[in-house]
Protein backbone atom coordinates (compact mmCIF):
# COMPACT_ATOMS: atom_id res chain seq x y z
CA UNK A 1 -47.54 -82.87 31.67
CA UNK A 2 -46.85 -84.04 28.12
CA UNK A 3 -45.85 -81.14 25.84
CA UNK A 4 -47.10 -82.97 22.74
CA UNK A 5 -50.52 -83.32 24.37
CA UNK A 6 -50.53 -79.57 25.02
CA UNK A 7 -49.68 -78.90 21.36
CA UNK A 8 -52.56 -81.14 20.29
CA UNK A 9 -54.86 -79.28 22.67
CA UNK A 10 -53.82 -75.97 21.10
CA UNK A 11 -54.73 -77.29 17.66
CA UNK A 12 -58.14 -78.40 18.95
CA UNK A 13 -58.75 -74.89 20.28
CA UNK A 14 -57.70 -73.40 16.94
CA UNK A 15 -59.49 -75.78 14.55
CA UNK A 16 -62.50 -76.69 16.71
CA UNK A 17 -62.58 -80.25 15.40
CA UNK A 18 -60.93 -83.48 16.57
CA UNK A 19 -61.04 -84.91 13.04
CA UNK A 20 -59.35 -81.83 11.52
CA UNK A 21 -56.63 -81.96 14.17
CA UNK A 22 -56.08 -85.65 13.43
CA UNK A 23 -55.65 -84.85 9.72
CA UNK A 24 -53.22 -82.02 10.38
CA UNK A 25 -51.08 -83.95 12.87
CA UNK A 26 -51.29 -87.20 10.86
CA UNK A 27 -52.59 -89.22 13.78
CA UNK A 28 -55.88 -91.03 14.37
CA UNK A 29 -58.94 -89.31 15.83
CA UNK A 30 -58.99 -91.73 18.80
CA UNK A 31 -55.37 -90.69 19.50
CA UNK A 32 -56.49 -87.05 19.68
CA UNK A 33 -59.33 -87.96 22.07
CA UNK A 34 -56.94 -90.03 24.20
CA UNK A 35 -54.54 -87.09 24.60
CA UNK A 36 -57.35 -84.80 25.73
CA UNK A 37 -58.62 -87.44 28.18
CA UNK A 38 -55.13 -87.85 29.66
CA UNK A 39 -54.91 -84.09 30.22
CA UNK A 40 -58.36 -84.07 31.84
CA UNK A 41 -57.45 -86.99 34.10
CA UNK A 42 -54.16 -85.39 35.09
CA UNK A 43 -55.75 -82.01 35.85
CA UNK A 44 -59.02 -83.33 37.25
CA UNK A 45 -61.21 -81.00 35.18
CA UNK A 46 -63.21 -81.12 31.96
CA UNK A 47 -61.45 -79.21 29.19
CA UNK A 48 -63.86 -79.68 26.25
CA UNK A 49 -67.63 -79.14 26.26
CA UNK A 50 -68.70 -82.33 24.49
CA UNK A 51 -72.36 -81.29 24.27
CA UNK A 52 -71.49 -78.97 21.38
CA UNK A 53 -71.14 -79.94 17.71
CA UNK A 54 -67.68 -78.40 17.59
CA UNK A 55 -64.89 -78.61 20.18
CA UNK A 56 -65.70 -75.74 22.55
CA UNK A 57 -63.36 -75.07 25.48
CA UNK A 58 -64.67 -74.94 29.01
CA UNK A 59 -63.41 -72.20 31.34
CA UNK A 60 -60.79 -74.65 32.57
CA UNK A 61 -59.89 -75.40 28.95
CA UNK A 62 -59.42 -71.69 28.22
CA UNK A 63 -57.07 -71.39 31.19
CA UNK A 64 -55.08 -74.43 30.05
CA UNK A 65 -54.85 -72.90 26.57
CA UNK A 66 -53.17 -69.81 28.06
CA UNK A 67 -50.72 -72.06 29.87
CA UNK A 68 -50.08 -74.14 26.73
CA UNK A 69 -49.33 -71.02 24.68
CA UNK A 70 -46.87 -69.84 27.33
CA UNK A 71 -45.16 -73.24 27.39
CA UNK A 72 -44.91 -73.28 23.59
CA UNK A 73 -43.40 -69.80 23.55
CA UNK A 74 -40.83 -70.75 26.19
CA UNK A 75 -40.02 -73.98 24.33
CA UNK A 76 -39.35 -71.98 21.16
CA UNK A 77 -37.13 -69.57 23.07
CA UNK A 78 -35.19 -72.46 24.60
CA UNK A 79 -34.73 -74.13 21.23
CA UNK A 80 -33.61 -70.83 19.73
CA UNK A 81 -31.07 -70.22 22.49
CA UNK A 82 -29.65 -73.74 22.26
CA UNK A 83 -29.35 -73.53 18.50
CA UNK A 84 -27.41 -70.30 18.80
CA UNK A 85 -24.87 -72.15 20.96
CA UNK A 86 -24.11 -74.60 18.16
CA UNK A 87 -21.29 -73.66 15.84
CA UNK A 88 -22.60 -75.64 12.88
CA UNK A 89 -25.87 -74.71 11.20
CA UNK A 90 -27.86 -77.93 10.92
CA UNK A 91 -31.41 -79.15 10.70
CA UNK A 92 -34.27 -79.25 8.22
CA UNK A 93 -35.32 -76.25 6.18
CA UNK A 94 -38.93 -76.91 5.16
CA UNK A 95 -40.34 -74.27 2.86
CA UNK A 96 -43.52 -73.61 0.91
CA UNK A 97 -43.19 -72.04 -2.53
CA UNK A 98 -45.44 -71.03 -5.36
CA UNK A 99 -44.69 -72.49 -8.78
CA UNK A 100 -42.30 -69.93 -10.27
CA UNK A 101 -40.05 -69.46 -7.20
CA UNK A 102 -40.21 -73.19 -6.44
CA UNK A 103 -39.21 -74.29 -9.95
CA UNK A 104 -37.01 -71.48 -11.27
CA UNK A 105 -35.60 -69.36 -8.42
CA UNK A 106 -35.13 -71.58 -5.37
CA UNK A 107 -33.03 -74.40 -6.89
CA UNK A 108 -30.08 -72.05 -7.48
CA UNK A 109 -30.45 -70.26 -4.14
CA UNK A 110 -30.73 -73.51 -2.19
CA UNK A 111 -27.73 -75.00 -3.96
CA UNK A 112 -25.65 -72.01 -2.89
CA UNK A 113 -27.00 -72.17 0.69
CA UNK A 114 -26.29 -75.91 0.92
CA UNK A 115 -22.66 -75.34 -0.10
CA UNK A 116 -22.35 -72.90 2.80
CA UNK A 117 -24.13 -75.23 5.27
CA UNK A 118 -23.73 -78.90 4.20
CA UNK A 119 -25.46 -80.24 7.33
CA UNK A 120 -28.76 -78.60 6.35
CA UNK A 121 -31.47 -80.68 4.67
CA UNK A 122 -34.09 -78.94 2.55
CA UNK A 123 -37.66 -79.76 1.57
CA UNK A 124 -39.71 -77.47 -0.69
CA UNK A 125 -43.44 -78.04 -1.14
CA UNK A 126 -44.73 -76.34 -4.30
CA UNK A 127 -48.31 -75.07 -4.56
CA UNK A 128 -49.97 -71.76 -5.44
CA UNK A 129 -49.37 -68.38 -3.80
CA UNK A 130 -52.50 -68.35 -1.64
CA UNK A 131 -51.76 -71.85 -0.32
CA UNK A 132 -48.24 -70.69 0.58
CA UNK A 133 -49.54 -67.64 2.45
CA UNK A 134 -52.15 -69.70 4.32
CA UNK A 135 -49.58 -72.40 5.12
CA UNK A 136 -47.23 -69.88 6.74
CA UNK A 137 -50.09 -68.15 8.58
CA UNK A 138 -51.40 -71.47 9.95
CA UNK A 139 -47.96 -72.55 11.14
CA UNK A 140 -47.65 -75.46 8.70
CA UNK A 141 -44.45 -73.79 7.44
CA UNK A 142 -42.08 -71.33 9.08
CA UNK A 143 -41.49 -69.52 5.80
CA UNK A 144 -42.40 -69.49 2.14
CA UNK A 145 -41.98 -67.87 -1.25
CA UNK A 146 -44.77 -66.42 -3.36
CA UNK A 147 -45.58 -63.89 -6.06
CA UNK A 148 -48.25 -62.03 -4.07
CA UNK A 149 -47.69 -59.65 -1.17
CA UNK A 150 -49.57 -61.02 1.85
CA UNK A 151 -52.19 -58.66 3.26
CA UNK A 152 -52.18 -60.36 6.67
CA UNK A 153 -50.75 -58.15 9.42
CA UNK A 154 -49.17 -61.15 11.15
CA UNK A 155 -46.82 -61.79 8.21
CA UNK A 156 -43.57 -60.06 7.26
CA UNK A 157 -42.09 -60.19 3.76
CA UNK A 158 -39.28 -58.87 1.60
CA UNK A 159 -38.54 -59.05 -2.14
CA UNK A 160 -36.13 -61.73 -3.34
CA UNK A 161 -36.47 -61.55 -7.14
CA UNK A 162 -38.20 -59.83 -10.05
CA UNK A 163 -39.83 -61.22 -13.17
CA UNK A 164 -41.73 -60.17 -16.28
CA UNK A 165 -44.94 -61.77 -17.49
CA UNK A 166 -44.73 -62.25 -21.28
CA UNK A 167 -47.06 -63.39 -24.05
CA UNK A 168 -46.40 -66.72 -25.76
CA UNK A 169 -48.19 -68.12 -28.82
CA UNK A 170 -47.96 -71.36 -30.83
CA UNK A 171 -45.19 -71.29 -33.45
CA UNK A 172 -47.79 -71.59 -36.22
CA UNK A 173 -50.04 -68.79 -34.86
CA UNK A 174 -50.41 -65.67 -37.09
CA UNK A 175 -48.82 -63.59 -34.28
CA UNK A 176 -45.63 -65.67 -34.55
CA UNK A 177 -44.62 -63.90 -37.75
CA UNK A 178 -44.90 -60.44 -36.18
CA UNK A 179 -42.21 -58.55 -34.26
CA UNK A 180 -44.84 -56.84 -32.09
CA UNK A 181 -48.63 -56.78 -31.73
CA UNK A 182 -51.02 -54.21 -30.28
CA UNK A 183 -53.21 -54.84 -27.21
CA UNK A 184 -56.27 -54.69 -29.46
CA UNK A 185 -55.03 -57.76 -31.35
CA UNK A 186 -55.61 -59.86 -28.24
CA UNK A 187 -59.39 -59.45 -28.32
CA UNK A 188 -61.15 -62.69 -29.19
CA UNK A 189 -58.02 -64.85 -28.85
CA UNK A 190 -58.38 -68.15 -26.95
CA UNK A 191 -56.37 -67.68 -23.75
CA UNK A 192 -54.99 -70.28 -21.39
CA UNK A 193 -54.98 -69.26 -17.70
CA UNK A 194 -53.48 -70.47 -14.46
CA UNK A 195 -55.90 -71.11 -11.60
CA UNK A 196 -57.32 -68.04 -9.79
CA UNK A 197 -55.15 -68.64 -6.69
CA UNK A 198 -51.95 -68.54 -8.76
CA UNK A 199 -49.70 -65.54 -8.11
CA UNK A 200 -48.89 -65.36 -11.83
CA UNK A 201 -52.59 -65.22 -12.72
CA UNK A 202 -53.40 -62.62 -10.06
CA UNK A 203 -50.42 -60.48 -11.10
CA UNK A 204 -51.34 -60.80 -14.76
CA UNK A 205 -54.89 -59.58 -14.19
CA UNK A 206 -53.76 -56.74 -11.91
CA UNK A 207 -51.01 -55.55 -14.26
CA UNK A 208 -53.17 -55.78 -17.37
CA UNK A 209 -55.82 -53.73 -15.61
CA UNK A 210 -53.27 -51.06 -14.65
CA UNK A 211 -52.12 -50.94 -18.29
CA UNK A 212 -55.67 -50.13 -19.36
CA UNK A 213 -56.51 -53.55 -20.80
CA UNK A 214 -59.96 -54.88 -19.96
CA UNK A 215 -59.27 -58.36 -18.59
CA UNK A 216 -63.00 -59.15 -18.81
CA UNK A 217 -62.56 -59.28 -22.59
CA UNK A 218 -60.27 -62.27 -22.19
CA UNK A 219 -62.16 -65.55 -22.18
CA UNK A 220 -60.12 -68.54 -20.96
CA UNK A 221 -60.03 -71.55 -23.22
CA UNK A 222 -58.34 -73.64 -20.52
CA UNK A 223 -57.46 -73.15 -16.84
CA UNK A 224 -54.44 -75.21 -15.79
CA UNK A 225 -52.58 -75.84 -12.56
CA UNK A 226 -48.97 -75.13 -13.49
CA UNK A 227 -46.86 -72.91 -15.75
CA UNK A 228 -45.39 -75.92 -17.57
CA UNK A 229 -48.90 -77.19 -18.28
CA UNK A 230 -49.80 -73.80 -19.74
CA UNK A 231 -46.67 -73.77 -21.95
CA UNK A 232 -47.40 -77.32 -23.14
CA UNK A 233 -50.99 -76.36 -23.99
CA UNK A 234 -49.79 -73.35 -25.99
CA UNK A 235 -47.25 -75.56 -27.78
CA UNK A 236 -50.06 -77.93 -28.76
CA UNK A 237 -52.01 -75.06 -30.32
CA UNK A 238 -54.75 -74.84 -27.68
CA UNK A 239 -54.42 -71.07 -27.29
CA UNK A 240 -52.11 -68.24 -26.23
CA UNK A 241 -51.02 -67.28 -22.72
CA UNK A 242 -49.15 -64.88 -20.47
CA UNK A 243 -46.44 -66.72 -18.55
CA UNK A 244 -43.35 -65.98 -16.47
CA UNK A 245 -40.28 -64.98 -18.46
CA UNK A 246 -38.25 -67.13 -16.03
CA UNK A 247 -40.10 -70.20 -17.30
CA UNK A 248 -39.31 -69.21 -20.89
CA UNK A 249 -35.63 -68.51 -20.16
CA UNK A 250 -35.20 -71.88 -18.48
CA UNK A 251 -35.73 -73.63 -21.79
CA UNK A 252 -39.00 -73.33 -23.64
CA UNK A 253 -40.36 -75.56 -26.39
CA UNK A 254 -39.53 -74.45 -29.95
CA UNK A 255 -43.24 -74.93 -30.61
CA UNK A 256 -44.00 -71.63 -28.84
CA UNK A 257 -42.81 -68.09 -29.49
CA UNK A 258 -42.64 -65.03 -27.23
CA UNK A 259 -44.31 -61.97 -28.78
CA UNK A 260 -44.02 -58.40 -27.39
CA UNK A 261 -47.23 -56.42 -26.94
CA UNK A 262 -46.83 -52.73 -27.77
CA UNK A 263 -46.95 -50.50 -24.68
CA UNK A 264 -47.43 -53.47 -22.35
CA UNK A 265 -44.75 -54.43 -19.84
CA UNK A 266 -45.92 -56.64 -16.99
CA UNK A 267 -43.31 -56.63 -14.21
CA UNK A 268 -43.82 -58.49 -10.94
CA UNK A 269 -41.85 -59.40 -7.81
CA UNK A 270 -41.43 -62.50 -5.66
CA UNK A 271 -41.29 -62.44 -1.86
CA UNK A 272 -39.98 -64.36 1.12
CA UNK A 273 -42.67 -64.44 3.82
CA UNK A 274 -42.62 -65.43 7.49
CA UNK A 275 -44.63 -64.88 10.65
CA UNK A 276 -44.06 -61.62 12.47
CA UNK A 277 -44.86 -63.03 15.92
CA UNK A 278 -42.82 -66.25 15.77
CA UNK A 279 -39.19 -66.44 16.85
CA UNK A 280 -37.21 -67.98 14.00
CA UNK A 281 -34.96 -70.95 14.69
CA UNK A 282 -31.28 -70.51 13.87
CA UNK A 283 -31.48 -72.31 10.53
CA UNK A 284 -34.26 -69.97 9.34
CA UNK A 285 -32.41 -66.92 10.67
CA UNK A 286 -29.32 -67.96 8.70
CA UNK A 287 -31.40 -68.60 5.59
CA UNK A 288 -33.17 -65.24 5.88
CA UNK A 289 -29.85 -63.43 6.26
CA UNK A 290 -28.47 -65.36 3.28
CA UNK A 291 -31.42 -64.29 1.10
CA UNK A 292 -31.06 -60.64 2.07
CA UNK A 293 -27.30 -60.64 1.43
CA UNK A 294 -27.68 -62.53 -1.86
CA UNK A 295 -30.39 -60.14 -3.08
CA UNK A 296 -28.23 -57.14 -2.17
CA UNK A 297 -25.20 -58.59 -3.97
CA UNK A 298 -27.19 -59.41 -7.11
CA UNK A 299 -28.34 -55.82 -7.60
């Protein structure tokens, strides 16, 4: 029995759609149908009820799903055991990361990790925090970095860095000549936001609310998809914004200025997340240990 066909069958059971499985696995829909047909021919039973609009498992299909899950678990255990027997840490480290960790925290960490393990290759896909959490939950990634603590019980996480969200204004804005402003000065100002699924945006709203500032009084002038886009918009005079201090420290345009807000300090944390129920391969175990040691040493 082909293990890849079993993995495809598991995805069909999870997604309920041949077309969605084809998209996720980057194969054609006929290829998905062919794999199911081969399993049905080999086992001599019908696995999918094709009279339904979605892919519904028959009783035989449900039993095969149990078997497929057991096989996948044993395959992961075997791979884990074999990797532990290797002296050299090698393989691909594929990670999901939200914007701030992906652009300002991970490059330094990964450079240090690569020096320790030269045979490791790394790929980081940058998106927003909610996409990272969903990607790890769905199994698209073994691990990720985000600025929001996942509420899902099937995910574990630990802090890897801290940050402060700060206010920036155009260099020619009236605030730019002040050493500090009051929260009341922000009322009526044109703000530039990140998208709602951004960890920075969610943290900003949560922290402002805790500080007693009514976020409903802030009306966004623009909603943009990245921190650099927000900084560029502020630099062009489109409005003011709260952004990560890490983005400012990395080299900000002279066309913007950071302004303290009296009584307002917006601290946030970033997290490494991974599935609780999935045995990590050796490369991810080594990386997790590296992160925990590095965080301990940096304190």
